[in-house]
C-alpha atoms as a PDB file:
ATOM      1  CA  MET A   1      10.143  -0.930  29.239  1.00  0.00           C
ATOM      2  CA  LEU A   2      11.961  -4.253  29.279  1.00  0.00           C
ATOM      3  CA  PRO A   3      13.700  -5.254  32.536  1.00  0.00           C
ATOM      4  CA  GLU A   4      17.488  -5.009  32.470  1.00  0.00           C
ATOM      5  CA  ARG A   5      19.379  -8.313  32.452  1.00  0.00           C
ATOM      6  CA  LYS A   6      22.931  -8.960  33.554  1.00  0.00           C
ATOM      7  CA  PHE A   7      25.178 -10.370  30.851  1.00  0.00           C
ATOM      8  CA  SER A   8      26.530 -12.911  33.359  1.00  0.00           C
ATOM      9  CA  GLU A   9      22.988 -14.242  33.879  1.00  0.00           C
ATOM     10  CA  ILE A  10      22.415 -14.645  30.132  1.00  0.00           C
ATOM     11  CA  LEU A  11      25.732 -16.478  29.811  1.00  0.00           C
ATOM     12  CA  THR A  12      24.878 -18.796  32.712  1.00  0.00           C
ATOM     13  CA  ASN A  13      21.477 -19.561  31.187  1.00  0.00           C
ATOM     14  CA  SER A  14      23.139 -20.430  27.880  1.00  0.00           C
ATOM     15  CA  LYS A  15      25.237 -23.038  29.691  1.00  0.00           C
ATOM     16  CA  LEU A  16      22.350 -24.543  31.664  1.00  0.00           C
ATOM     17  CA  ASP A  17      19.695 -24.581  28.928  1.00  0.00           C
ATOM     18  CA  LYS A  18      21.248 -26.377  25.962  1.00  0.00           C
ATOM     19  CA  LYS A  19      18.119 -26.239  23.812  1.00  0.00           C
ATOM     20  CA  THR A  20      17.657 -22.477  23.656  1.00  0.00           C
ATOM     21  CA  ALA A  21      19.548 -19.929  21.550  1.00  0.00           C
ATOM     22  CA  ASN A  22      20.326 -16.605  23.238  1.00  0.00           C
ATOM     23  CA  ILE A  23      20.563 -13.746  20.753  1.00  0.00           C
ATOM     24  CA  LEU A  24      21.830 -10.271  21.621  1.00  0.00           C
ATOM     25  CA  VAL A  25      20.844  -7.446  19.280  1.00  0.00           C
ATOM     26  CA  GLU A  26      21.631  -3.748  19.155  1.00  0.00           C
ATOM     27  CA  GLY A  27      18.202  -2.280  19.851  1.00  0.00           C
ATOM     28  CA  GLU A  28      14.535  -2.970  20.442  1.00  0.00           C
ATOM     29  CA  SER A  29      13.596  -2.470  16.768  1.00  0.00           C
ATOM     30  CA  ASP A  30      16.054  -5.236  15.880  1.00  0.00           C
ATOM     31  CA  GLN A  31      14.486  -7.389  18.581  1.00  0.00           C
ATOM     32  CA  THR A  32      11.018  -6.860  17.071  1.00  0.00           C
ATOM     33  CA  ILE A  33      12.139  -7.824  13.559  1.00  0.00           C
ATOM     34  CA  LEU A  34      14.163 -10.852  14.648  1.00  0.00           C
ATOM     35  CA  ARG A  35      11.296 -12.032  16.848  1.00  0.00           C
ATOM     36  CA  GLU A  36       9.037 -12.068  13.787  1.00  0.00           C
ATOM     37  CA  PHE A  37      11.550 -14.289  12.030  1.00  0.00           C
ATOM     38  CA  PHE A  38      12.402 -16.687  14.851  1.00  0.00           C
ATOM     39  CA  ASN A  39       8.747 -17.093  15.849  1.00  0.00           C
ATOM     40  CA  GLY A  40       8.224 -18.604  12.407  1.00  0.00           C
ATOM     41  CA  THR A  41      10.880 -21.256  13.053  1.00  0.00           C
ATOM     42  CA  ALA A  42      11.023 -24.210  15.417  1.00  0.00           C
ATOM     43  CA  LEU A  43      14.029 -22.774  17.262  1.00  0.00           C
ATOM     44  CA  ARG A  44      13.636 -22.013  20.957  1.00  0.00           C
ATOM     45  CA  HIS A  45      15.142 -18.609  21.462  1.00  0.00           C
ATOM     46  CA  LYS A  46      15.501 -15.571  23.688  1.00  0.00           C
ATOM     47  CA  LEU A  47      16.250 -12.098  22.337  1.00  0.00           C
ATOM     48  CA  TYR A  48      18.027  -9.395  24.320  1.00  0.00           C
ATOM     49  CA  PRO A  49      18.532  -5.790  23.117  1.00  0.00           C
ATOM     50  CA  ALA A  50      21.935  -4.467  24.209  1.00  0.00           C
ATOM     51  CA  SER A  51      20.206  -1.345  25.495  1.00  0.00           C
ATOM     52  CA  ARG A  52      18.630  -3.503  28.226  1.00  0.00           C
ATOM     53  CA  VAL A  53      21.696  -5.589  29.158  1.00  0.00           C
ATOM     54  CA  SER A  54      24.163  -4.784  31.928  1.00  0.00           C
ATOM     55  CA  PHE A  55      27.555  -5.997  30.686  1.00  0.00           C
ATOM     56  CA  ASP A  56      29.189  -6.972  33.973  1.00  0.00           C
ATOM     57  CA  LEU A  57      32.002  -9.333  32.889  1.00  0.00           C
ATOM     58  CA  PHE A  58      34.146  -7.007  30.748  1.00  0.00           C
ATOM     59  CA  ASP A  59      34.560  -3.398  29.637  1.00  0.00           C
ATOM     60  CA  ALA A  60      31.794  -3.025  27.063  1.00  0.00           C
ATOM     61  CA  ASN A  61      32.311   0.655  26.286  1.00  0.00           C
ATOM     62  CA  VAL A  62      35.611   0.612  24.380  1.00  0.00           C
ATOM     63  CA  LEU A  63      33.968   1.464  21.042  1.00  0.00           C
ATOM     64  CA  GLY A  64      30.831   3.106  22.442  1.00  0.00           C
ATOM     65  CA  GLY A  65      27.164   2.613  21.682  1.00  0.00           C
ATOM     66  CA  ASN A  66      25.157  -0.594  21.542  1.00  0.00           C
ATOM     67  CA  LYS A  67      27.100  -1.752  18.501  1.00  0.00           C
ATOM     68  CA  GLY A  68      30.377  -1.309  20.347  1.00  0.00           C
ATOM     69  CA  ARG A  69      29.010  -3.234  23.319  1.00  0.00           C
ATOM     70  CA  LEU A  70      28.109  -6.148  21.078  1.00  0.00           C
ATOM     71  CA  TYR A  71      31.549  -6.125  19.446  1.00  0.00           C
ATOM     72  CA  ALA A  72      33.068  -6.355  22.915  1.00  0.00           C
ATOM     73  CA  ALA A  73      30.584  -9.039  23.958  1.00  0.00           C
ATOM     74  CA  SER A  74      31.203 -11.165  20.861  1.00  0.00           C
ATOM     75  CA  THR A  75      34.975 -10.899  21.359  1.00  0.00           C
ATOM     76  CA  PHE A  76      34.599 -12.016  24.980  1.00  0.00           C
ATOM     77  CA  LEU A  77      32.273 -14.884  24.044  1.00  0.00           C
ATOM     78  CA  SER A  78      34.523 -16.066  21.228  1.00  0.00           C
ATOM     79  CA  ALA A  79      37.543 -16.110  23.550  1.00  0.00           C
ATOM     80  CA  ILE A  80      35.776 -18.470  25.970  1.00  0.00           C
ATOM     81  CA  GLN A  81      34.257 -20.504  23.108  1.00  0.00           C
ATOM     82  CA  ALA A  82      30.725 -19.829  24.290  1.00  0.00           C
ATOM     83  CA  ARG A  83      27.838 -21.730  22.738  1.00  0.00           C
ATOM     84  CA  ARG A  84      24.131 -20.952  22.335  1.00  0.00           C
ATOM     85  CA  ILE A  85      24.768 -17.227  22.620  1.00  0.00           C
ATOM     86  CA  VAL A  86      25.399 -14.932  19.658  1.00  0.00           C
ATOM     87  CA  CYS A  87      25.543 -11.207  18.923  1.00  0.00           C
ATOM     88  CA  VAL A  88      23.791  -9.836  15.814  1.00  0.00           C
ATOM     89  CA  ILE A  89      25.668  -6.731  14.681  1.00  0.00           C
ATOM     90  CA  ASP A  90      24.686  -4.212  12.008  1.00  0.00           C
ATOM     91  CA  ARG A  91      27.289  -3.876   9.264  1.00  0.00           C
ATOM     92  CA  ASP A  92      26.558  -0.165   8.792  1.00  0.00           C
ATOM     93  CA  GLY A  93      29.727   1.412   7.402  1.00  0.00           C
ATOM     94  CA  ASP A  94      32.099  -1.353   8.364  1.00  0.00           C
ATOM     95  CA  ALA A  95      33.216  -1.666   4.758  1.00  0.00           C
ATOM     96  CA  PHE A  96      35.042   1.607   5.480  1.00  0.00           C
ATOM     97  CA  HIS A  97      36.472   0.518   8.839  1.00  0.00           C
ATOM     98  CA  LYS A  98      38.759  -2.182  10.163  1.00  0.00           C
ATOM     99  CA  HIS A  99      36.862  -4.259  12.698  1.00  0.00           C
ATOM    100  CA  ILE A 100      37.726  -7.907  13.319  1.00  0.00           C
ATOM    101  CA  TYR A 101      34.780 -10.293  13.349  1.00  0.00           C
ATOM    102  CA  ASN A 102      34.673 -13.497  15.377  1.00  0.00           C
ATOM    103  CA  SER A 103      32.752 -16.740  15.839  1.00  0.00           C
ATOM    104  CA  CYS A 104      30.145 -15.197  18.175  1.00  0.00           C
ATOM    105  CA  GLY A 105      29.339 -12.150  16.072  1.00  0.00           C
ATOM    106  CA  VAL A 106      26.951 -12.469  13.121  1.00  0.00           C
ATOM    107  CA  ILE A 107      27.145  -9.436  10.835  1.00  0.00           C
ATOM    108  CA  THR A 108      24.269  -8.327   8.595  1.00  0.00           C
ATOM    109  CA  ASP A 109      25.002  -8.396   4.850  1.00  0.00           C
ATOM    110  CA  LEU A 110      22.742  -5.377   4.299  1.00  0.00           C
ATOM    111  CA  SER A 111      23.438  -2.234   6.305  1.00  0.00           C
ATOM    112  CA  CYS A 112      21.323  -3.158   9.339  1.00  0.00           C
ATOM    113  CA  VAL A 113      18.635  -5.494  10.654  1.00  0.00           C
ATOM    114  CA  GLU A 114      15.970  -2.802  10.304  1.00  0.00           C
ATOM    115  CA  ILE A 115      16.415  -2.480   6.535  1.00  0.00           C
ATOM    116  CA  TYR A 116      15.515  -6.097   5.672  1.00  0.00           C
ATOM    117  CA  PRO A 117      11.713  -5.605   5.803  1.00  0.00           C
ATOM    118  CA  LEU A 118      12.043  -2.885   3.146  1.00  0.00           C
ATOM    119  CA  ASP A 119      10.674  -4.673   0.106  1.00  0.00           C
ATOM    120  CA  ILE A 120      10.873  -2.087  -2.683  1.00  0.00           C
ATOM    121  CA  SER A 121       7.623  -3.066  -4.415  1.00  0.00           C
ATOM    122  CA  GLN A 122       5.609  -3.390  -1.195  1.00  0.00           C
ATOM    123  CA  ALA A 123       6.874  -0.104   0.254  1.00  0.00           C
ATOM    124  CA  ALA A 124       6.344   1.854  -2.981  1.00  0.00           C
ATOM    125  CA  ASN A 125       2.809   0.511  -3.274  1.00  0.00           C
ATOM    126  CA  PHE A 126       2.038   1.431   0.356  1.00  0.00           C
ATOM    127  CA  ILE A 127       3.348   4.992  -0.069  1.00  0.00           C
ATOM    128  CA  ARG A 128       1.518   5.437  -3.384  1.00  0.00           C
ATOM    129  CA  LYS A 129      -1.800   4.508  -1.775  1.00  0.00           C
ATOM    130  CA  ALA A 130      -1.104   6.677   1.276  1.00  0.00           C
ATOM    131  CA  LEU A 131      -0.313   9.700  -0.897  1.00  0.00           C
ATOM    132  CA  ASN A 132      -2.898   8.985  -3.588  1.00  0.00           C
ATOM    133  CA  ASP A 133      -0.105  10.034  -5.932  1.00  0.00           C
ATOM    134  CA  GLY A 134       1.980   8.505  -8.698  1.00  0.00           C
ATOM    135  CA  PHE A 135       4.776   7.452  -6.363  1.00  0.00           C
ATOM    136  CA  ASP A 136       6.566   4.427  -7.817  1.00  0.00           C
ATOM    137  CA  GLU A 137       9.557   2.177  -7.258  1.00  0.00           C
ATOM    138  CA  SER A 138      11.909   4.545  -9.084  1.00  0.00           C
ATOM    139  CA  ASP A 139      10.998   7.324  -6.615  1.00  0.00           C
ATOM    140  CA  LEU A 140      11.781   5.018  -3.694  1.00  0.00           C
ATOM    141  CA  MET A 141      15.074   3.867  -5.232  1.00  0.00           C
ATOM    142  CA  HIS A 142      16.025   7.519  -5.789  1.00  0.00           C
ATOM    143  CA  ILE A 143      15.421   8.377  -2.123  1.00  0.00           C
ATOM    144  CA  LEU A 144      17.408   5.308  -1.070  1.00  0.00           C
ATOM    145  CA  SER A 145      20.288   6.279  -3.362  1.00  0.00           C
ATOM    146  CA  ILE A 146      20.527   9.801  -1.926  1.00  0.00           C
ATOM    147  CA  ALA A 147      20.412   8.367   1.617  1.00  0.00           C
ATOM    148  CA  ARG A 148      23.195   5.952   0.644  1.00  0.00           C
ATOM    149  CA  GLU A 149      25.431   8.754  -0.653  1.00  0.00           C
ATOM    150  CA  ILE A 150      25.022  10.705   2.580  1.00  0.00           C
ATOM    151  CA  SER A 151      25.538   7.578   4.706  1.00  0.00           C
ATOM    152  CA  VAL A 152      28.693   6.535   2.848  1.00  0.00           C
ATOM    153  CA  LEU A 153      30.274   9.993   2.999  1.00  0.00           C
ATOM    154  CA  ARG A 154      29.596  10.213   6.724  1.00  0.00           C
ATOM    155  CA  TRP A 155      31.096   6.768   7.303  1.00  0.00           C
ATOM    156  CA  MET A 156      34.165   7.674   5.242  1.00  0.00           C
ATOM    157  CA  ARG A 157      34.554  10.856   7.269  1.00  0.00           C
ATOM    158  CA  GLU A 158      34.760   8.738  10.442  1.00  0.00           C
ATOM    159  CA  GLU A 159      37.800   7.011   8.933  1.00  0.00           C
ATOM    160  CA  VAL A 160      39.561  10.074   7.474  1.00  0.00           C
ATOM    161  CA  ILE A 161      38.682  12.806  10.020  1.00  0.00           C
ATOM    162  CA  PRO A 162      37.291  10.969  13.062  1.00  0.00           C
ATOM    163  CA  SER A 163      37.459  13.951  15.402  1.00  0.00           C
ATOM    164  CA  VAL A 164      35.261  16.248  13.305  1.00  0.00           C
ATOM    165  CA  LYS A 165      31.527  15.991  12.602  1.00  0.00           C
ATOM    166  CA  MET A 166      30.194  17.233   9.302  1.00  0.00           C
ATOM    167  CA  ALA A 167      27.729  20.085   8.944  1.00  0.00           C
ATOM    168  CA  ASP A 168      24.047  19.322   8.437  1.00  0.00           C
ATOM    169  CA  TYR A 169      23.560  18.073   4.891  1.00  0.00           C
ATOM    170  CA  ASP A 170      20.086  19.508   4.234  1.00  0.00           C
ATOM    171  CA  LYS A 171      21.490  22.879   3.136  1.00  0.00           C
ATOM    172  CA  SER A 172      23.470  21.029   0.447  1.00  0.00           C
ATOM    173  CA  LEU A 173      20.415  19.303  -1.009  1.00  0.00           C
ATOM    174  CA  THR A 174      18.499  20.638  -4.008  1.00  0.00           C
ATOM    175  CA  LEU A 175      15.132  19.478  -5.328  1.00  0.00           C
ATOM    176  CA  GLU A 176      13.954  19.569  -8.932  1.00  0.00           C
ATOM    177  CA  LYS A 177      10.887  17.747 -10.255  1.00  0.00           C
ATOM    178  CA  LYS A 178      10.683  15.537  -7.156  1.00  0.00           C
ATOM    179  CA  ARG A 179      14.346  14.535  -7.536  1.00  0.00           C
ATOM    180  CA  LEU A 180      16.948  15.347  -4.886  1.00  0.00           C
ATOM    181  CA  SER A 181      20.608  16.106  -5.586  1.00  0.00           C
ATOM    182  CA  LEU A 182      23.467  16.229  -3.071  1.00  0.00           C
ATOM    183  CA  ASN A 183      26.166  18.854  -3.669  1.00  0.00           C
ATOM    184  CA  VAL A 184      29.134  17.127  -2.046  1.00  0.00           C
ATOM    185  CA  GLN A 185      31.584  19.993  -2.578  1.00  0.00           C
ATOM    186  CA  HIS A 186      29.154  22.404  -0.933  1.00  0.00           C
ATOM    187  CA  TRP A 187      28.590  20.055   2.019  1.00  0.00           C
ATOM    188  CA  ILE A 188      32.288  19.474   2.576  1.00  0.00           C
ATOM    189  CA  GLY A 189      33.025  23.181   2.147  1.00  0.00           C
ATOM    190  CA  ARG A 190      30.503  24.025   4.880  1.00  0.00           C
ATOM    191  CA  SER A 191      32.025  21.362   7.128  1.00  0.00           C
ATOM    192  CA  LYS A 192      35.646  22.572   6.949  1.00  0.00           C
ATOM    193  CA  SER A 193      35.084  25.285   9.541  1.00  0.00           C
ATOM    194  CA  ARG A 194      34.469  22.563  12.145  1.00  0.00           C
ATOM    195  CA  GLY A 195      38.103  21.432  12.123  1.00  0.00           C
ATOM    196  CA  GLY A 196      40.448  19.122  10.280  1.00  0.00           C
ATOM    197  CA  THR A 197      43.146  20.055   7.786  1.00  0.00           C
ATOM    198  CA  GLN A 198      42.734  21.009   4.145  1.00  0.00           C
ATOM    199  CA  GLU A 199      44.636  17.831   3.222  1.00  0.00           C
ATOM    200  CA  GLU A 200      42.208  15.656   5.201  1.00  0.00           C
ATOM    201  CA  TRP A 201      39.140  17.244   3.622  1.00  0.00           C
ATOM    202  CA  LYS A 202      40.652  16.931   0.147  1.00  0.00           C
ATOM    203  CA  LYS A 203      41.415  13.273   0.784  1.00  0.00           C
ATOM    204  CA  LEU A 204      37.819  12.718   1.883  1.00  0.00           C
ATOM    205  CA  GLU A 205      36.370  14.527  -1.137  1.00  0.00           C
ATOM    206  CA  ASP A 206      38.655  12.756  -3.619  1.00  0.00           C
ATOM    207  CA  SER A 207      38.004   9.344  -2.074  1.00  0.00           C
ATOM    208  CA  PHE A 208      34.242   9.822  -2.125  1.00  0.00           C
ATOM    209  CA  THR A 209      34.263  11.222  -5.667  1.00  0.00           C
ATOM    210  CA  SER A 210      36.092   8.096  -6.870  1.00  0.00           C
ATOM    211  CA  LEU A 211      33.727   5.802  -4.987  1.00  0.00           C
ATOM    212  CA  ARG A 212      30.538   7.678  -5.886  1.00  0.00           C
ATOM    213  CA  SER A 213      30.597   6.646  -9.525  1.00  0.00           C
ATOM    214  CA  THR A 214      30.795   2.979  -8.512  1.00  0.00           C
ATOM    215  CA  LEU A 215      27.813   3.024  -6.134  1.00  0.00           C
ATOM    216  CA  SER A 216      25.309   0.721  -7.772  1.00  0.00           C
ATOM    217  CA  GLY A 217      23.166  -2.301  -7.030  1.00  0.00           C
ATOM    218  CA  ASP A 218      20.989  -2.539  -3.946  1.00  0.00           C
ATOM    219  CA  PRO A 219      21.311   0.744  -1.980  1.00  0.00           C
ATOM    220  CA  ARG A 220      20.108  -1.047   1.153  1.00  0.00           C
ATOM    221  CA  ASP A 221      23.601  -2.503   1.535  1.00  0.00           C
ATOM    222  CA  ALA A 222      25.020   0.859   2.635  1.00  0.00           C
ATOM    223  CA  VAL A 223      22.349   3.142   4.050  1.00  0.00           C
ATOM    224  CA  ASN A 224      22.001   4.352   7.620  1.00  0.00           C
ATOM    225  CA  ILE A 225      18.389   3.791   8.682  1.00  0.00           C
ATOM    226  CA  HIS A 226      18.242   7.099  10.574  1.00  0.00           C
ATOM    227  CA  ILE A 227      19.522   9.040   7.559  1.00  0.00           C
ATOM    228  CA  LEU A 228      16.966   7.258   5.387  1.00  0.00           C
ATOM    229  CA  ASP A 229      14.274   8.392   7.798  1.00  0.00           C
ATOM    230  CA  GLU A 230      15.562  11.985   7.628  1.00  0.00           C
ATOM    231  CA  ILE A 231      15.640  11.974   3.816  1.00  0.00           C
ATOM    232  CA  PHE A 232      12.126  10.565   3.611  1.00  0.00           C
ATOM    233  CA  ARG A 233      10.832  13.277   5.930  1.00  0.00           C
ATOM    234  CA  TYR A 234      12.744  15.992   4.044  1.00  0.00           C
ATOM    235  CA  TRP A 235      11.397  14.735   0.702  1.00  0.00           C
ATOM    236  CA  PHE A 236       7.784  14.437   1.869  1.00  0.00           C
ATOM    237  CA  LYS A 237       7.853  17.915   3.393  1.00  0.00           C
ATOM    238  CA  SER A 238       9.462  19.458   0.289  1.00  0.00           C
ATOM    239  CA  VAL A 239       7.327  17.692  -2.318  1.00  0.00           C
ATOM    240  CA  PHE A 240       3.960  17.201  -0.614  1.00  0.00           C
ATOM    241  CA  GLU A 241       4.172  19.630   2.328  1.00  0.00           C
ATOM    242  CA  THR A 242       3.533  16.603   4.535  1.00  0.00           C
ATOM    243  CA  LYS A 243       5.289  16.444   7.895  1.00  0.00           C
ATOM    244  CA  LEU A 244       6.184  12.935   9.043  1.00  0.00           C
ATOM    245  CA  HIS A 245       7.192  12.181  12.603  1.00  0.00           C
ATOM    246  CA  GLU A 246      10.752  11.207  13.461  1.00  0.00           C
ATOM    247  CA  GLY A 247      11.258   7.452  13.186  1.00  0.00           C
ATOM    248  CA  TRP A 248       8.470   7.088  10.603  1.00  0.00           C
ATOM    249  CA  ILE A 249      10.344   4.743   8.296  1.00  0.00           C
ATOM    250  CA  GLU A 250      11.527   2.547  11.170  1.00  0.00           C
ATOM    251  CA  GLN A 251       7.961   2.188  12.427  1.00  0.00           C
ATOM    252  CA  LEU A 252       6.763   1.366   8.917  1.00  0.00           C
ATOM    253  CA  LEU A 253       9.425  -1.305   8.443  1.00  0.00           C
ATOM    254  CA  ARG A 254       8.679  -2.949  11.765  1.00  0.00           C
ATOM    255  CA  GLY A 255       5.118  -3.311  10.503  1.00  0.00           C
ATOM    256  CA  PHE A 256       6.378  -4.896   7.274  1.00  0.00           C
ATOM    257  CA  ALA A 257       8.481  -7.496   9.125  1.00  0.00           C
ATOM    258  CA  GLU A 258       6.999 -10.944   8.509  1.00  0.00           C
ATOM    259  CA  PHE A 259       8.518 -14.407   8.522  1.00  0.00           C
ATOM    260  CA  ASP A 260       7.524 -15.147   4.924  1.00  0.00           C
ATOM    261  CA  LEU A 261       9.475 -12.091   3.777  1.00  0.00           C
ATOM    262  CA  LEU A 262      12.500 -12.415   6.045  1.00  0.00           C
ATOM    263  CA  LYS A 263      13.055 -16.131   5.395  1.00  0.00           C
ATOM    264  CA  ASN A 264      14.026 -15.336   1.806  1.00  0.00           C
ATOM    265  CA  TYR A 265      17.176 -13.488   2.855  1.00  0.00           C
ATOM    266  CA  LYS A 266      20.446 -15.427   3.029  1.00  0.00           C
ATOM    267  CA  PHE A 267      21.368 -13.530   6.201  1.00  0.00           C
ATOM    268  CA  PHE A 268      18.406 -14.926   8.145  1.00  0.00           C
ATOM    269  CA  GLU A 269      19.041 -18.400   6.752  1.00  0.00           C
ATOM    270  CA  SER A 270      22.672 -18.194   7.898  1.00  0.00           C
ATOM    271  CA  LEU A 271      21.721 -16.811  11.319  1.00  0.00           C
ATOM    272  CA  LEU A 272      19.235 -19.637  11.902  1.00  0.00           C
ATOM    273  CA  SER A 273      21.820 -22.218  10.831  1.00  0.00           C
ATOM    274  CA  HIS A 274      24.404 -20.657  13.168  1.00  0.00           C
ATOM    275  CA  CYS A 275      22.007 -20.802  16.137  1.00  0.00           C
ATOM    276  CA  GLU A 276      20.771 -24.321  15.373  1.00  0.00           C
ATOM    277  CA  GLY A 277      24.348 -25.568  15.185  1.00  0.00           C
ATOM    278  CA  HIS A 278      24.820 -24.866  18.897  1.00  0.00           C
ATOM    279  CA  ILE A 279      21.663 -26.565  20.119  1.00  0.00           C
ATOM    280  CA  GLU A 280      22.051 -29.982  21.776  1.00  0.00           C
END
């Protein structure tokens, strides 16, 4: 377990040491992946997961969670025009929310830091060899697409009916010839008993139905990593009767994280440029 650091100490260090970038991230998986990238560069750096930082200079719990703490930290840092200290924040479902970004918050262009090591070809090849089965890239893209639909609907629910959590989605999934389908009407119908008005649920269903047909391109741009892990485990258990442990996909992706892969993403290029710009 990493020792806890006071935010005030990190800020003081950033003022005293003008040749080191201080980077705050949401969790320890993010720290592992970003360490792989920054260790391949010439930049002197220190990485701090928000879960191991005591935020002692401001109220860091307005939005809740490690992501909320980093939003608060980046707002504080931007207001005092801090240098050599930056917060890396997962975009997640922010396309469906109204957060204000600032000069000390760097937002991922895919859904989260943890998704960047997911190279479709590499991952499909690894799974195919592990299963000794005809698993291919189309199977992986299908799983990602289902995880994206679930992620997006959940994020939209937070905007439309923030006080109500949806029912578990697994009872609204069907499997045919190794392909999953999500019955949105069934899922929403099962969720109505948890609260909210009929008008709110109809608005959510109509909004998602309109958006669903436009979901295309790289599904990694809007998938919750934990939902992806759940869908993988559900799919493996249903298709191959193989039980994977919770957090399997996150562990796999941490193992895939290498500088030569990560350096090809514009996000990492921009993050490095941002950090280097503050070094004296």
